[in-house]
Amino acid sequence: MFRTLKKPQPTTTCIHLLSGSQNFSGSGEYPMKKEQVLKLKLKILEEQISEVKRRLPAHSTKPPLMGSLMDLEDEYDLILLQIDELKSQELEI
């Protein structure tokens, strides 16, 4: 009767990139900067937020779905703050 919605999972490649264990070139010579990792996380969160918003019904939104959306948006805001802090630290140097 009711369909269970699965939460989108990042690919293995994204997990490696987010952990900083690899870089885009794959050579290991130029590790990703923290700002690059945070921007990649933002992109993934944007995709997850748009997916959750796409699943929102026009009326009678379920609390778990709204909670999931708010959690993703909170995490997005925190990452934006971290990027701003990194940029302000770079300006001080």
Protein backbone atom coordinates (compact mmCIF):
# COMPACT_ATOMS: atom_id res chain seq x y z
CA MET A 1 0.00 0.00 0.00
CA PHE A 2 2.69 2.51 1.00
CA ARG A 3 5.95 2.78 -0.85
CA THR A 4 9.16 3.14 1.15
CA LEU A 5 11.38 5.90 -0.18
CA LYS A 6 15.09 5.24 -0.12
CA LYS A 7 17.53 7.96 0.82
CA PRO A 8 19.97 8.66 -2.03
CA GLN A 9 23.43 7.32 -1.31
CA PRO A 10 26.63 8.96 -2.58
CA THR A 11 28.81 6.88 -4.84
CA THR A 12 32.03 5.33 -3.63
CA THR A 13 33.96 7.92 -5.62
CA CYS A 14 32.20 10.74 -3.79
CA ILE A 15 32.95 9.15 -0.43
CA HIS A 16 36.64 8.95 -1.29
CA LEU A 17 36.65 12.55 -2.48
CA LEU A 18 34.83 13.76 0.62
CA SER A 19 37.27 11.98 2.91
CA GLY A 20 40.17 13.64 1.11
CA SER A 21 41.83 10.29 0.44
CA GLN A 22 41.92 10.95 -3.30
CA ASN A 23 41.90 13.95 -5.55
CA PHE A 24 40.30 14.71 -8.89
CA SER A 25 43.41 13.81 -10.89
CA GLY A 26 43.79 10.47 -9.12
CA SER A 27 47.57 10.82 -9.13
CA GLY A 28 47.91 11.67 -5.45
CA GLU A 29 50.25 14.56 -6.20
CA TYR A 30 47.80 17.36 -5.47
CA PRO A 31 45.54 16.59 -2.51
CA MET A 32 42.21 18.40 -2.44
CA LYS A 33 42.08 21.58 -0.41
CA LYS A 34 39.62 21.73 2.43
CA GLU A 35 37.60 24.37 0.56
CA GLN A 36 37.31 22.06 -2.46
CA VAL A 37 36.06 19.23 -0.25
CA LEU A 38 33.48 21.53 1.35
CA LYS A 39 32.29 22.76 -2.05
CA LEU A 40 31.90 19.17 -3.20
CA LYS A 41 29.85 18.42 -0.08
CA LEU A 42 27.69 21.47 -0.88
CA LYS A 43 27.04 20.16 -4.37
CA ILE A 44 26.00 16.76 -3.02
CA LEU A 45 23.76 18.39 -0.42
CA GLU A 46 22.16 20.57 -3.10
CA GLU A 47 21.28 17.44 -5.04
CA GLN A 48 19.88 15.74 -1.94
CA ILE A 49 17.84 18.82 -1.00
CA SER A 50 16.37 19.09 -4.49
CA GLU A 51 15.49 15.37 -4.39
CA VAL A 52 13.69 15.76 -1.04
CA LYS A 53 11.86 18.88 -2.30
CA ARG A 54 10.81 16.96 -5.39
CA ARG A 55 9.22 14.30 -3.17
CA LEU A 56 7.31 16.84 -1.06
CA PRO A 57 3.58 16.63 -1.66
CA ALA A 58 1.59 19.82 -2.25
CA HIS A 59 -0.48 19.17 0.89
CA SER A 60 -0.17 17.14 4.08
CA THR A 61 3.60 16.90 4.21
CA LYS A 62 4.80 14.12 6.50
CA PRO A 63 6.94 15.26 9.48
CA PRO A 64 9.82 12.82 8.78
CA LEU A 65 10.20 14.18 5.26
CA MET A 66 10.18 17.78 6.49
CA GLY A 67 12.67 16.84 9.21
CA SER A 68 14.96 15.31 6.61
CA LEU A 69 14.76 18.47 4.51
CA MET A 70 15.50 20.71 7.50
CA ASP A 71 18.46 18.54 8.53
CA LEU A 72 19.96 18.75 5.04
CA GLU A 73 19.42 22.52 4.92
CA ASP A 74 21.05 22.93 8.36
CA GLU A 75 24.07 20.91 7.23
CA TYR A 76 24.25 23.03 4.06
CA ASP A 77 24.27 26.23 6.14
CA LEU A 78 27.02 24.88 8.41
CA ILE A 79 29.23 24.06 5.44
CA LEU A 80 28.66 27.56 4.04
CA LEU A 81 29.85 28.97 7.37
CA GLN A 82 32.95 26.77 7.27
CA ILE A 83 33.77 28.00 3.77
CA ASP A 84 33.35 31.62 4.90
CA GLU A 85 35.67 30.97 7.87
CA LEU A 86 38.30 29.46 5.56
CA LYS A 87 38.11 32.46 3.23
CA SER A 88 38.43 34.91 6.13
CA GLN A 89 41.47 33.00 7.44
CA GLU A 90 43.08 33.22 3.99
CA LEU A 91 42.55 36.98 3.96
CA GLU A 92 44.23 37.34 7.35
CA ILE A 93 47.39 35.57 6.16
